[in-house]
Amino acid sequence: MLCGLTVLTLVLALTLQKDAPVIAFLLALAAGVLILTQVFGQMGGALQRLGVLLRQSGMTDSLYLPVAKAVGIAVVVRVLSALCRDAGRSALAAKVEIAGAVGVLSACLPLLEQVVALVSEWTI
């Protein structure tokens, strides 16, 4: 279904691009929201299974949660950046990417602190 929706949206957007670029952009935006809604709905089950596996392995949340946050930030930034570029705002897209990099860095700081603490324990 996702592939069919994507192809249909692409054909309609390309057809409307010349005569009604605003409608083509809004159509692509609406299709993108629908696709992301479908994907995020399916992702819930996969995340539950991943949580069970991580609990069985004995890993604490403090080890994998920063990585999960970083991946989430990266996905959101990529989508927002693409939307900005599609709207012809590449300067805004670059600023979104910079903000995303700062967000990923701040999300991973707790993990970096744990790595530094572990390394300092080995060197003492």
PDB file of N, CA and C in Angstrom:
ATOM      1  N   MET A   1       0.808  -1.180   0.000  1.00  0.00           N
ATOM      2  CA  MET A   1       0.000   0.000   0.000  1.00  0.00           C
ATOM      3  C   MET A   1       0.863   1.259   0.000  1.00  0.00           C
ATOM      4  N   LEU A   2       1.940   1.231   0.775  1.00  0.00           N
ATOM      5  CA  LEU A   2       2.823   2.391   0.840  1.00  0.00           C
ATOM      6  C   LEU A   2       3.438   2.699  -0.512  1.00  0.00           C
ATOM      7  N   CYS A   3       3.844   1.676  -1.220  1.00  0.00           N
ATOM      8  CA  CYS A   3       4.448   1.901  -2.538  1.00  0.00           C
ATOM      9  C   CYS A   3       3.427   2.475  -3.513  1.00  0.00           C
ATOM     10  N   GLY A   4       2.211   1.954  -3.478  1.00  0.00           N
ATOM     11  CA  GLY A   4       1.165   2.460  -4.360  1.00  0.00           C
ATOM     12  C   GLY A   4       0.837   3.916  -4.064  1.00  0.00           C
ATOM     13  N   LEU A   5       0.737   4.254  -2.789  1.00  0.00           N
ATOM     14  CA  LEU A   5       0.469   5.631  -2.399  1.00  0.00           C
ATOM     15  C   LEU A   5       1.597   6.552  -2.838  1.00  0.00           C
ATOM     16  N   THR A   6       2.819   6.099  -2.706  1.00  0.00           N
ATOM     17  CA  THR A   6       3.971   6.908  -3.096  1.00  0.00           C
ATOM     18  C   THR A   6       3.990   7.147  -4.601  1.00  0.00           C
ATOM     19  N   VAL A   7       3.769   6.108  -5.384  1.00  0.00           N
ATOM     20  CA  VAL A   7       3.776   6.249  -6.844  1.00  0.00           C
ATOM     21  C   VAL A   7       2.631   7.135  -7.301  1.00  0.00           C
ATOM     22  N   LEU A   8       1.443   6.937  -6.749  1.00  0.00           N
ATOM     23  CA  LEU A   8       0.292   7.760  -7.106  1.00  0.00           C
ATOM     24  C   LEU A   8       0.538   9.230  -6.776  1.00  0.00           C
ATOM     25  N   THR A   9       1.081   9.493  -5.609  1.00  0.00           N
ATOM     26  CA  THR A   9       1.383  10.867  -5.214  1.00  0.00           C
ATOM     27  C   THR A   9       2.432  11.475  -6.121  1.00  0.00           C
ATOM     28  N   LEU A  10       3.438  10.714  -6.454  1.00  0.00           N
ATOM     29  CA  LEU A  10       4.497  11.213  -7.329  1.00  0.00           C
ATOM     30  C   LEU A  10       3.945  11.588  -8.695  1.00  0.00           C
ATOM     31  N   VAL A  11       3.117  10.722  -9.271  1.00  0.00           N
ATOM     32  CA  VAL A  11       2.542  11.002 -10.586  1.00  0.00           C
ATOM     33  C   VAL A  11       1.639  12.235 -10.531  1.00  0.00           C
ATOM     34  N   LEU A  12       0.788  12.314  -9.505  1.00  0.00           N
ATOM     35  CA  LEU A  12      -0.109  13.465  -9.383  1.00  0.00           C
ATOM     36  C   LEU A  12       0.668  14.762  -9.142  1.00  0.00           C
ATOM     37  N   ALA A  13       1.675  14.701  -8.291  1.00  0.00           N
ATOM     38  CA  ALA A  13       2.461  15.904  -7.995  1.00  0.00           C
ATOM     39  C   ALA A  13       3.221  16.375  -9.230  1.00  0.00           C
ATOM     40  N   LEU A  14       3.792  15.449  -9.992  1.00  0.00           N
ATOM     41  CA  LEU A  14       4.495  15.839 -11.215  1.00  0.00           C
ATOM     42  C   LEU A  14       3.539  16.412 -12.254  1.00  0.00           C
ATOM     43  N   THR A  15       2.316  15.868 -12.297  1.00  0.00           N
ATOM     44  CA  THR A  15       1.322  16.377 -13.234  1.00  0.00           C
ATOM     45  C   THR A  15       0.873  17.788 -12.849  1.00  0.00           C
ATOM     46  N   LEU A  16       0.700  18.026 -11.568  1.00  0.00           N
ATOM     47  CA  LEU A  16       0.208  19.318 -11.093  1.00  0.00           C
ATOM     48  C   LEU A  16       1.308  20.358 -10.922  1.00  0.00           C
ATOM     49  N   GLN A  17       2.552  19.943 -10.944  1.00  0.00           N
ATOM     50  CA  GLN A  17       3.671  20.845 -10.641  1.00  0.00           C
ATOM     51  C   GLN A  17       3.696  22.079 -11.540  1.00  0.00           C
ATOM     52  N   LYS A  18       3.419  21.917 -12.814  1.00  0.00           N
ATOM     53  CA  LYS A  18       3.506  23.036 -13.753  1.00  0.00           C
ATOM     54  C   LYS A  18       2.362  24.034 -13.568  1.00  0.00           C
ATOM     55  N   ASP A  19       1.136  23.526 -13.430  1.00  0.00           N
ATOM     56  CA  ASP A  19      -0.032  24.404 -13.368  1.00  0.00           C
ATOM     57  C   ASP A  19      -0.382  24.858 -11.951  1.00  0.00           C
ATOM     58  N   ALA A  20      -0.163  24.002 -10.969  1.00  0.00           N
ATOM     59  CA  ALA A  20      -0.540  24.326  -9.584  1.00  0.00           C
ATOM     60  C   ALA A  20       0.545  23.819  -8.635  1.00  0.00           C
ATOM     61  N   PRO A  21       1.677  24.522  -8.552  1.00  0.00           N
ATOM     62  CA  PRO A  21       2.772  24.027  -7.717  1.00  0.00           C
ATOM     63  C   PRO A  21       2.431  23.971  -6.232  1.00  0.00           C
ATOM     64  N   VAL A  22       1.570  24.867  -5.773  1.00  0.00           N
ATOM     65  CA  VAL A  22       1.193  24.848  -4.353  1.00  0.00           C
ATOM     66  C   VAL A  22       0.384  23.593  -4.036  1.00  0.00           C
ATOM     67  N   ILE A  23      -0.527  23.248  -4.906  1.00  0.00           N
ATOM     68  CA  ILE A  23      -1.337  22.047  -4.697  1.00  0.00           C
ATOM     69  C   ILE A  23      -0.449  20.797  -4.779  1.00  0.00           C
ATOM     70  N   ALA A  24       0.505  20.790  -5.692  1.00  0.00           N
ATOM     71  CA  ALA A  24       1.419  19.649  -5.799  1.00  0.00           C
ATOM     72  C   ALA A  24       2.234  19.497  -4.523  1.00  0.00           C
ATOM     73  N   PHE A  25       2.697  20.623  -3.971  1.00  0.00           N
ATOM     74  CA  PHE A  25       3.468  20.566  -2.726  1.00  0.00           C
ATOM     75  C   PHE A  25       2.607  20.067  -1.572  1.00  0.00           C
ATOM     76  N   LEU A  26       1.380  20.593  -1.461  1.00  0.00           N
ATOM     77  CA  LEU A  26       0.488  20.156  -0.385  1.00  0.00           C
ATOM     78  C   LEU A  26       0.104  18.684  -0.527  1.00  0.00           C
ATOM     79  N   LEU A  27      -0.053  18.226  -1.749  1.00  0.00           N
ATOM     80  CA  LEU A  27      -0.347  16.813  -1.986  1.00  0.00           C
ATOM     81  C   LEU A  27       0.818  15.939  -1.524  1.00  0.00           C
ATOM     82  N   ALA A  28       2.018  16.339  -1.888  1.00  0.00           N
ATOM     83  CA  ALA A  28       3.202  15.579  -1.454  1.00  0.00           C
ATOM     84  C   ALA A  28       3.349  15.618   0.058  1.00  0.00           C
ATOM     85  N   LEU A  29       3.069  16.756   0.664  1.00  0.00           N
ATOM     86  CA  LEU A  29       3.157  16.885   2.115  1.00  0.00           C
ATOM     87  C   LEU A  29       2.139  15.982   2.805  1.00  0.00           C
ATOM     88  N   ALA A  30       0.904  15.976   2.305  1.00  0.00           N
ATOM     89  CA  ALA A  30      -0.135  15.125   2.887  1.00  0.00           C
ATOM     90  C   ALA A  30       0.224  13.647   2.741  1.00  0.00           C
ATOM     91  N   ALA A  31       0.735  13.275   1.587  1.00  0.00           N
ATOM     92  CA  ALA A  31       1.140  11.874   1.383  1.00  0.00           C
ATOM     93  C   ALA A  31       2.287  11.513   2.315  1.00  0.00           C
ATOM     94  N   GLY A  32       3.214  12.436   2.504  1.00  0.00           N
ATOM     95  CA  GLY A  32       4.322  12.184   3.417  1.00  0.00           C
ATOM     96  C   GLY A  32       3.849  11.968   4.841  1.00  0.00           C
ATOM     97  N   VAL A  33       2.874  12.757   5.269  1.00  0.00           N
ATOM     98  CA  VAL A  33       2.321  12.592   6.618  1.00  0.00           C
ATOM     99  C   VAL A  33       1.633  11.234   6.747  1.00  0.00           C
ATOM    100  N   LEU A  34       0.872  10.847   5.724  1.00  0.00           N
ATOM    101  CA  LEU A  34       0.208   9.539   5.761  1.00  0.00           C
ATOM    102  C   LEU A  34       1.220   8.395   5.805  1.00  0.00           C
ATOM    103  N   ILE A  35       2.268   8.509   5.015  1.00  0.00           N
ATOM    104  CA  ILE A  35       3.287   7.460   4.993  1.00  0.00           C
ATOM    105  C   ILE A  35       3.981   7.358   6.349  1.00  0.00           C
ATOM    106  N   LEU A  36       4.350   8.501   6.917  1.00  0.00           N
ATOM    107  CA  LEU A  36       5.012   8.483   8.220  1.00  0.00           C
ATOM    108  C   LEU A  36       4.092   7.955   9.313  1.00  0.00           C
ATOM    109  N   THR A  37       2.813   8.261   9.230  1.00  0.00           N
ATOM    110  CA  THR A  37       1.858   7.728  10.204  1.00  0.00           C
ATOM    111  C   THR A  37       1.812   6.205  10.126  1.00  0.00           C
ATOM    112  N   GLN A  38       1.793   5.679   8.918  1.00  0.00           N
ATOM    113  CA  GLN A  38       1.799   4.221   8.735  1.00  0.00           C
ATOM    114  C   GLN A  38       3.082   3.598   9.296  1.00  0.00           C
ATOM    115  N   VAL A  39       4.203   4.211   8.969  1.00  0.00           N
ATOM    116  CA  VAL A  39       5.490   3.655   9.398  1.00  0.00           C
ATOM    117  C   VAL A  39       5.631   3.707  10.911  1.00  0.00           C
ATOM    118  N   PHE A  40       5.262   4.841  11.519  1.00  0.00           N
ATOM    119  CA  PHE A  40       5.375   4.949  12.971  1.00  0.00           C
ATOM    120  C   PHE A  40       4.421   3.996  13.671  1.00  0.00           C
ATOM    121  N   GLY A  41       3.269   3.724  13.082  1.00  0.00           N
ATOM    122  CA  GLY A  41       2.347   2.752  13.650  1.00  0.00           C
ATOM    123  C   GLY A  41       2.930   1.344  13.657  1.00  0.00           C
ATOM    124  N   GLN A  42       3.614   0.998  12.587  1.00  0.00           N
ATOM    125  CA  GLN A  42       4.248  -0.323  12.505  1.00  0.00           C
ATOM    126  C   GLN A  42       5.486  -0.412  13.390  1.00  0.00           C
ATOM    127  N   MET A  43       6.100   0.727  13.637  1.00  0.00           N
ATOM    128  CA  MET A  43       7.342   0.728  14.397  1.00  0.00           C
ATOM    129  C   MET A  43       7.103   0.422  15.873  1.00  0.00           C
ATOM    130  N   GLY A  44       5.895   0.672  16.375  1.00  0.00           N
ATOM    131  CA  GLY A  44       5.606   0.432  17.784  1.00  0.00           C
ATOM    132  C   GLY A  44       5.868  -1.009  18.191  1.00  0.00           C
ATOM    133  N   GLY A  45       5.408  -1.949  17.398  1.00  0.00           N
ATOM    134  CA  GLY A  45       5.626  -3.368  17.707  1.00  0.00           C
ATOM    135  C   GLY A  45       7.093  -3.746  17.677  1.00  0.00           C
ATOM    136  N   ALA A  46       7.813  -3.207  16.722  1.00  0.00           N
ATOM    137  CA  ALA A  46       9.249  -3.505  16.632  1.00  0.00           C
ATOM    138  C   ALA A  46       9.992  -2.946  17.843  1.00  0.00           C
ATOM    139  N   LEU A  47       9.613  -1.766  18.300  1.00  0.00           N
ATOM    140  CA  LEU A  47      10.269  -1.188  19.477  1.00  0.00           C
ATOM    141  C   LEU A  47       9.975  -1.983  20.744  1.00  0.00           C
ATOM    142  N   GLN A  48       8.762  -2.528  20.851  1.00  0.00           N
ATOM    143  CA  GLN A  48       8.434  -3.370  21.997  1.00  0.00           C
ATOM    144  C   GLN A  48       9.290  -4.623  22.006  1.00  0.00           C
ATOM    145  N   ARG A  49       9.444  -5.243  20.849  1.00  0.00           N
ATOM    146  CA  ARG A  49      10.283  -6.447  20.761  1.00  0.00           C
ATOM    147  C   ARG A  49      11.733  -6.118  21.069  1.00  0.00           C
ATOM    148  N   LEU A  50      12.203  -4.970  20.591  1.00  0.00           N
ATOM    149  CA  LEU A  50      13.571  -4.558  20.879  1.00  0.00           C
ATOM    150  C   LEU A  50      13.759  -4.328  22.369  1.00  0.00           C
ATOM    151  N   GLY A  51      12.766  -3.721  23.023  1.00  0.00           N
ATOM    152  CA  GLY A  51      12.838  -3.510  24.472  1.00  0.00           C
ATOM    153  C   GLY A  51      12.935  -4.808  25.237  1.00  0.00           C
ATOM    154  N   VAL A  52      12.165  -5.809  24.810  1.00  0.00           N
ATOM    155  CA  VAL A  52      12.225  -7.127  25.461  1.00  0.00           C
ATOM    156  C   VAL A  52      13.616  -7.733  25.290  1.00  0.00           C
ATOM    157  N   LEU A  53      14.162  -7.656  24.076  1.00  0.00           N
ATOM    158  CA  LEU A  53      15.500  -8.205  23.843  1.00  0.00           C
ATOM    159  C   LEU A  53      16.560  -7.503  24.688  1.00  0.00           C
ATOM    160  N   LEU A  54      16.456  -6.198  24.798  1.00  0.00           N
ATOM    161  CA  LEU A  54      17.441  -5.445  25.576  1.00  0.00           C
ATOM    162  C   LEU A  54      17.333  -5.756  27.064  1.00  0.00           C
ATOM    163  N   ARG A  55      16.117  -5.938  27.572  1.00  0.00           N
ATOM    164  CA  ARG A  55      15.952  -6.309  28.977  1.00  0.00           C
ATOM    165  C   ARG A  55      16.505  -7.702  29.234  1.00  0.00           C
ATOM    166  N   GLN A  56      16.316  -8.619  28.284  1.00  0.00           N
ATOM    167  CA  GLN A  56      16.838  -9.972  28.445  1.00  0.00           C
ATOM    168  C   GLN A  56      18.367  -9.979  28.436  1.00  0.00           C
ATOM    169  N   SER A  57      18.961  -9.047  27.706  1.00  0.00           N
ATOM    170  CA  SER A  57      20.423  -8.997  27.646  1.00  0.00           C
ATOM    171  C   SER A  57      21.025  -8.359  28.884  1.00  0.00           C
ATOM    172  N   GLY A  58      20.197  -7.691  29.684  1.00  0.00           N
ATOM    173  CA  GLY A  58      20.698  -7.081  30.906  1.00  0.00           C
ATOM    174  C   GLY A  58      21.216  -5.655  30.716  1.00  0.00           C
ATOM    175  N   MET A  59      21.020  -5.095  29.547  1.00  0.00           N
ATOM    176  CA  MET A  59      21.463  -3.718  29.307  1.00  0.00           C
ATOM    177  C   MET A  59      20.527  -2.751  30.021  1.00  0.00           C
ATOM    178  N   THR A  60      21.098  -1.695  30.541  1.00  0.00           N
ATOM    179  CA  THR A  60      20.287  -0.675  31.191  1.00  0.00           C
ATOM    180  C   THR A  60      19.822   0.354  30.155  1.00  0.00           C
ATOM    181  N   ASP A  61      18.785   1.091  30.531  1.00  0.00           N
ATOM    182  CA  ASP A  61      18.249   2.123  29.646  1.00  0.00           C
ATOM    183  C   ASP A  61      19.283   3.190  29.337  1.00  0.00           C
ATOM    184  N   SER A  62      20.168   3.439  30.262  1.00  0.00           N
ATOM    185  CA  SER A  62      21.145   4.513  30.080  1.00  0.00           C
ATOM    186  C   SER A  62      22.141   4.211  28.962  1.00  0.00           C
ATOM    187  N   LEU A  63      22.216   2.963  28.519  1.00  0.00           N
ATOM    188  CA  LEU A  63      23.129   2.619  27.435  1.00  0.00           C
ATOM    189  C   LEU A  63      22.494   2.754  26.053  1.00  0.00           C
ATOM    190  N   TYR A  64      21.248   2.326  25.912  1.00  0.00           N
ATOM    191  CA  TYR A  64      20.654   2.348  24.575  1.00  0.00           C
ATOM    192  C   TYR A  64      19.684   3.504  24.344  1.00  0.00           C
ATOM    193  N   LEU A  65      19.191   4.143  25.405  1.00  0.00           N
ATOM    194  CA  LEU A  65      18.248   5.239  25.227  1.00  0.00           C
ATOM    195  C   LEU A  65      18.863   6.434  24.496  1.00  0.00           C
ATOM    196  N   PRO A  66      20.098   6.844  24.801  1.00  0.00           N
ATOM    197  CA  PRO A  66      20.680   7.954  24.023  1.00  0.00           C
ATOM    198  C   PRO A  66      20.817   7.645  22.535  1.00  0.00           C
ATOM    199  N   VAL A  67      21.134   6.424  22.208  1.00  0.00           N
ATOM    200  CA  VAL A  67      21.258   6.046  20.799  1.00  0.00           C
ATOM    201  C   VAL A  67      19.888   6.083  20.121  1.00  0.00           C
ATOM    202  N   ALA A  68      18.860   5.600  20.817  1.00  0.00           N
ATOM    203  CA  ALA A  68      17.508   5.635  20.264  1.00  0.00           C
ATOM    204  C   ALA A  68      17.041   7.075  20.060  1.00  0.00           C
ATOM    205  N   LYS A  69      17.358   7.944  21.012  1.00  0.00           N
ATOM    206  CA  LYS A  69      16.998   9.360  20.870  1.00  0.00           C
ATOM    207  C   LYS A  69      17.715   9.979  19.670  1.00  0.00           C
ATOM    208  N   ALA A  70      18.985   9.650  19.510  1.00  0.00           N
ATOM    209  CA  ALA A  70      19.764  10.199  18.394  1.00  0.00           C
ATOM    210  C   ALA A  70      19.193   9.752  17.050  1.00  0.00           C
ATOM    211  N   VAL A  71      18.791   8.507  16.962  1.00  0.00           N
ATOM    212  CA  VAL A  71      18.196   8.010  15.715  1.00  0.00           C
ATOM    213  C   VAL A  71      16.876   8.723  15.445  1.00  0.00           C
ATOM    214  N   GLY A  72      16.063   8.895  16.479  1.00  0.00           N
ATOM    215  CA  GLY A  72      14.803   9.609  16.323  1.00  0.00           C
ATOM    216  C   GLY A  72      15.005  11.045  15.871  1.00  0.00           C
ATOM    217  N   ILE A  73      15.956  11.728  16.468  1.00  0.00           N
ATOM    218  CA  ILE A  73      16.261  13.104  16.071  1.00  0.00           C
ATOM    219  C   ILE A  73      16.727  13.141  14.622  1.00  0.00           C
ATOM    220  N   ALA A  74      17.566  12.192  14.238  1.00  0.00           N
ATOM    221  CA  ALA A  74      18.084  12.160  12.868  1.00  0.00           C
ATOM    222  C   ALA A  74      16.964  11.966  11.848  1.00  0.00           C
ATOM    223  N   VAL A  75      16.002  11.110  12.163  1.00  0.00           N
ATOM    224  CA  VAL A  75      14.884  10.875  11.248  1.00  0.00           C
ATOM    225  C   VAL A  75      14.047  12.145  11.100  1.00  0.00           C
ATOM    226  N   VAL A  76      13.721  12.777  12.216  1.00  0.00           N
ATOM    227  CA  VAL A  76      12.901  13.989  12.170  1.00  0.00           C
ATOM    228  C   VAL A  76      13.624  15.094  11.413  1.00  0.00           C
ATOM    229  N   VAL A  77      14.913  15.253  11.673  1.00  0.00           N
ATOM    230  CA  VAL A  77      15.690  16.298  11.002  1.00  0.00           C
ATOM    231  C   VAL A  77      15.761  16.030   9.506  1.00  0.00           C
ATOM    232  N   ARG A  78      15.929  14.790   9.130  1.00  0.00           N
ATOM    233  CA  ARG A  78      16.004  14.475   7.697  1.00  0.00           C
ATOM    234  C   ARG A  78      14.694  14.810   6.984  1.00  0.00           C
ATOM    235  N   VAL A  79      13.576  14.471   7.603  1.00  0.00           N
ATOM    236  CA  VAL A  79      12.276  14.764   7.001  1.00  0.00           C
ATOM    237  C   VAL A  79      12.050  16.274   6.925  1.00  0.00           C
ATOM    238  N   LEU A  80      12.313  16.980   8.025  1.00  0.00           N
ATOM    239  CA  LEU A  80      12.117  18.428   8.017  1.00  0.00           C
ATOM    240  C   LEU A  80      13.035  19.117   7.013  1.00  0.00           C
ATOM    241  N   SER A  81      14.257  18.667   6.930  1.00  0.00           N
ATOM    242  CA  SER A  81      15.204  19.248   5.982  1.00  0.00           C
ATOM    243  C   SER A  81      14.745  19.030   4.545  1.00  0.00           C
ATOM    244  N   ALA A  82      14.253  17.846   4.256  1.00  0.00           N
ATOM    245  CA  ALA A  82      13.748  17.570   2.905  1.00  0.00           C
ATOM    246  C   ALA A  82      12.531  18.427   2.587  1.00  0.00           C
ATOM    247  N   LEU A  83      11.652  18.619   3.570  1.00  0.00           N
ATOM    248  CA  LEU A  83      10.486  19.473   3.359  1.00  0.00           C
ATOM    249  C   LEU A  83      10.911  20.915   3.075  1.00  0.00           C
ATOM    250  N   CYS A  84      11.896  21.397   3.813  1.00  0.00           N
ATOM    251  CA  CYS A  84      12.394  22.758   3.578  1.00  0.00           C
ATOM    252  C   CYS A  84      12.988  22.880   2.173  1.00  0.00           C
ATOM    253  N   ARG A  85      13.750  21.889   1.752  1.00  0.00           N
ATOM    254  CA  ARG A  85      14.346  21.931   0.415  1.00  0.00           C
ATOM    255  C   ARG A  85      13.279  21.855  -0.672  1.00  0.00           C
ATOM    256  N   ASP A  86      12.256  21.034  -0.451  1.00  0.00           N
ATOM    257  CA  ASP A  86      11.160  20.946  -1.418  1.00  0.00           C
ATOM    258  C   ASP A  86      10.419  22.264  -1.546  1.00  0.00           C
ATOM    259  N   ALA A  87      10.372  23.016  -0.450  1.00  0.00           N
ATOM    260  CA  ALA A  87       9.692  24.308  -0.475  1.00  0.00           C
ATOM    261  C   ALA A  87      10.608  25.411  -0.994  1.00  0.00           C
ATOM    262  N   GLY A  88      11.843  25.048  -1.368  1.00  0.00           N
ATOM    263  CA  GLY A  88      12.769  26.031  -1.910  1.00  0.00           C
ATOM    264  C   GLY A  88      13.505  26.822  -0.855  1.00  0.00           C
ATOM    265  N   ARG A  89      13.556  26.332   0.354  1.00  0.00           N
ATOM    266  CA  ARG A  89      14.219  27.029   1.458  1.00  0.00           C
ATOM    267  C   ARG A  89      15.443  26.234   1.919  1.00  0.00           C
ATOM    268  N   SER A  90      16.463  26.191   1.088  1.00  0.00           N
ATOM    269  CA  SER A  90      17.647  25.397   1.416  1.00  0.00           C
ATOM    270  C   SER A  90      18.434  25.991   2.577  1.00  0.00           C
ATOM    271  N   ALA A  91      18.394  27.315   2.755  1.00  0.00           N
ATOM    272  CA  ALA A  91      19.088  27.921   3.894  1.00  0.00           C
ATOM    273  C   ALA A  91      18.429  27.479   5.201  1.00  0.00           C
ATOM    274  N   LEU A  92      17.110  27.424   5.220  1.00  0.00           N
ATOM    275  CA  LEU A  92      16.406  26.953   6.402  1.00  0.00           C
ATOM    276  C   LEU A  92      16.693  25.470   6.643  1.00  0.00           C
ATOM    277  N   ALA A  93      16.793  24.706   5.572  1.00  0.00           N
ATOM    278  CA  ALA A  93      17.113  23.282   5.697  1.00  0.00           C
ATOM    279  C   ALA A  93      18.486  23.092   6.341  1.00  0.00           C
ATOM    280  N   ALA A  94      19.453  23.924   5.960  1.00  0.00           N
ATOM    281  CA  ALA A  94      20.787  23.832   6.552  1.00  0.00           C
ATOM    282  C   ALA A  94      20.741  24.155   8.041  1.00  0.00           C
ATOM    283  N   LYS A  95      19.938  25.125   8.423  1.00  0.00           N
ATOM    284  CA  LYS A  95      19.814  25.480   9.841  1.00  0.00           C
ATOM    285  C   LYS A  95      19.126  24.368  10.634  1.00  0.00           C
ATOM    286  N   VAL A  96      18.153  23.717  10.020  1.00  0.00           N
ATOM    287  CA  VAL A  96      17.497  22.576  10.662  1.00  0.00           C
ATOM    288  C   VAL A  96      18.513  21.455  10.888  1.00  0.00           C
ATOM    289  N   GLU A  97      19.381  21.219   9.911  1.00  0.00           N
ATOM    290  CA  GLU A  97      20.395  20.173  10.046  1.00  0.00           C
ATOM    291  C   GLU A  97      21.399  20.510  11.147  1.00  0.00           C
ATOM    292  N   ILE A  98      21.776  21.774  11.258  1.00  0.00           N
ATOM    293  CA  ILE A  98      22.685  22.181  12.335  1.00  0.00           C
ATOM    294  C   ILE A  98      22.013  21.981  13.691  1.00  0.00           C
ATOM    295  N   ALA A  99      20.749  22.385  13.794  1.00  0.00           N
ATOM    296  CA  ALA A  99      20.016  22.189  15.045  1.00  0.00           C
ATOM    297  C   ALA A  99      19.895  20.702  15.380  1.00  0.00           C
ATOM    298  N   GLY A 100      19.718  19.876  14.367  1.00  0.00           N
ATOM    299  CA  GLY A 100      19.648  18.435  14.592  1.00  0.00           C
ATOM    300  C   GLY A 100      20.960  17.868  15.091  1.00  0.00           C
ATOM    301  N   ALA A 101      22.058  18.358  14.543  1.00  0.00           N
ATOM    302  CA  ALA A 101      23.369  17.888  15.007  1.00  0.00           C
ATOM    303  C   ALA A 101      23.590  18.247  16.474  1.00  0.00           C
ATOM    304  N   VAL A 102      23.188  19.456  16.849  1.00  0.00           N
ATOM    305  CA  VAL A 102      23.311  19.866  18.249  1.00  0.00           C
ATOM    306  C   VAL A 102      22.401  19.013  19.128  1.00  0.00           C
ATOM    307  N   GLY A 103      21.190  18.725  18.637  1.00  0.00           N
ATOM    308  CA  GLY A 103      20.276  17.874  19.388  1.00  0.00           C
ATOM    309  C   GLY A 103      20.805  16.469  19.590  1.00  0.00           C
ATOM    310  N   VAL A 104      21.401  15.899  18.548  1.00  0.00           N
ATOM    311  CA  VAL A 104      21.981  14.554  18.658  1.00  0.00           C
ATOM    312  C   VAL A 104      23.144  14.561  19.642  1.00  0.00           C
ATOM    313  N   LEU A 105      23.971  15.584  19.560  1.00  0.00           N
ATOM    314  CA  LEU A 105      25.101  15.684  20.489  1.00  0.00           C
ATOM    315  C   LEU A 105      24.613  15.771  21.929  1.00  0.00           C
ATOM    316  N   SER A 106      23.604  16.587  22.175  1.00  0.00           N
ATOM    317  CA  SER A 106      23.106  16.715  23.545  1.00  0.00           C
ATOM    318  C   SER A 106      22.404  15.441  24.012  1.00  0.00           C
ATOM    319  N   ALA A 107      21.770  14.719  23.099  1.00  0.00           N
ATOM    320  CA  ALA A 107      21.117  13.459  23.474  1.00  0.00           C
ATOM    321  C   ALA A 107      22.138  12.385  23.819  1.00  0.00           C
ATOM    322  N   CYS A 108      23.312  12.449  23.188  1.00  0.00           N
ATOM    323  CA  CYS A 108      24.340  11.427  23.411  1.00  0.00           C
ATOM    324  C   CYS A 108      25.322  11.777  24.527  1.00  0.00           C
ATOM    325  N   LEU A 109      25.213  12.958  25.104  1.00  0.00           N
ATOM    326  CA  LEU A 109      26.138  13.329  26.173  1.00  0.00           C
ATOM    327  C   LEU A 109      26.124  12.372  27.363  1.00  0.00           C
ATOM    328  N   PRO A 110      24.957  11.884  27.832  1.00  0.00           N
ATOM    329  CA  PRO A 110      24.992  10.913  28.934  1.00  0.00           C
ATOM    330  C   PRO A 110      25.781   9.643  28.589  1.00  0.00           C
ATOM    331  N   LEU A 111      25.674   9.198  27.363  1.00  0.00           N
ATOM    332  CA  LEU A 111      26.433   8.016  26.943  1.00  0.00           C
ATOM    333  C   LEU A 111      27.929   8.321  26.915  1.00  0.00           C
ATOM    334  N   LEU A 112      28.290   9.493  26.423  1.00  0.00           N
ATOM    335  CA  LEU A 112      29.691   9.895  26.409  1.00  0.00           C
ATOM    336  C   LEU A 112      30.248  10.000  27.823  1.00  0.00           C
ATOM    337  N   GLU A 113      29.450  10.506  28.752  1.00  0.00           N
ATOM    338  CA  GLU A 113      29.880  10.581  30.151  1.00  0.00           C
ATOM    339  C   GLU A 113      30.161   9.193  30.716  1.00  0.00           C
ATOM    340  N   GLN A 114      29.318   8.222  30.369  1.00  0.00           N
ATOM    341  CA  GLN A 114      29.538   6.856  30.845  1.00  0.00           C
ATOM    342  C   GLN A 114      30.803   6.253  30.245  1.00  0.00           C
ATOM    343  N   VAL A 115      31.059   6.549  28.975  1.00  0.00           N
ATOM    344  CA  VAL A 115      32.273   6.047  28.330  1.00  0.00           C
ATOM    345  C   VAL A 115      33.505   6.644  28.990  1.00  0.00           C
ATOM    346  N   VAL A 116      33.487   7.946  29.257  1.00  0.00           N
ATOM    347  CA  VAL A 116      34.626   8.596  29.908  1.00  0.00           C
ATOM    348  C   VAL A 116      34.835   8.022  31.308  1.00  0.00           C
ATOM    349  N   ALA A 117      33.754   7.786  32.044  1.00  0.00           N
ATOM    350  CA  ALA A 117      33.872   7.201  33.374  1.00  0.00           C
ATOM    351  C   ALA A 117      34.451   5.797  33.309  1.00  0.00           C
ATOM    352  N   LEU A 118      34.038   5.022  32.329  1.00  0.00           N
ATOM    353  CA  LEU A 118      34.558   3.662  32.169  1.00  0.00           C
ATOM    354  C   LEU A 118      36.033   3.677  31.829  1.00  0.00           C
ATOM    355  N   VAL A 119      36.429   4.552  30.934  1.00  0.00           N
ATOM    356  CA  VAL A 119      37.840   4.650  30.541  1.00  0.00           C
ATOM    357  C   VAL A 119      38.682   5.129  31.719  1.00  0.00           C
ATOM    358  N   SER A 120      38.155   6.070  32.494  1.00  0.00           N
ATOM    359  CA  SER A 120      38.930   6.566  33.634  1.00  0.00           C
ATOM    360  C   SER A 120      39.076   5.486  34.701  1.00  0.00           C
ATOM    361  N   GLU A 121      38.101   4.582  34.837  1.00  0.00           N
ATOM    362  CA  GLU A 121      38.233   3.472  35.777  1.00  0.00           C
ATOM    363  C   GLU A 121      39.342   2.518  35.337  1.00  0.00           C
ATOM    364  N   TRP A 122      39.499   2.303  34.047  1.00  0.00           N
ATOM    365  CA  TRP A 122      40.516   1.401  33.542  1.00  0.00           C
ATOM    366  C   TRP A 122      41.919   1.974  33.708  1.00  0.00           C
ATOM    367  N   THR A 123      42.017   3.288  33.646  1.00  0.00           N
ATOM    368  CA  THR A 123      43.358   3.900  33.703  1.00  0.00           C
ATOM    369  C   THR A 123      43.831   4.121  35.130  1.00  0.00           C
ATOM    370  N   ILE A 124      42.947   4.005  36.095  1.00  0.00           N
ATOM    371  CA  ILE A 124      43.367   4.236  37.497  1.00  0.00           C
ATOM    372  C   ILE A 124      43.988   3.012  38.079  1.00  0.00           C
TER     373      ILE A 124
END
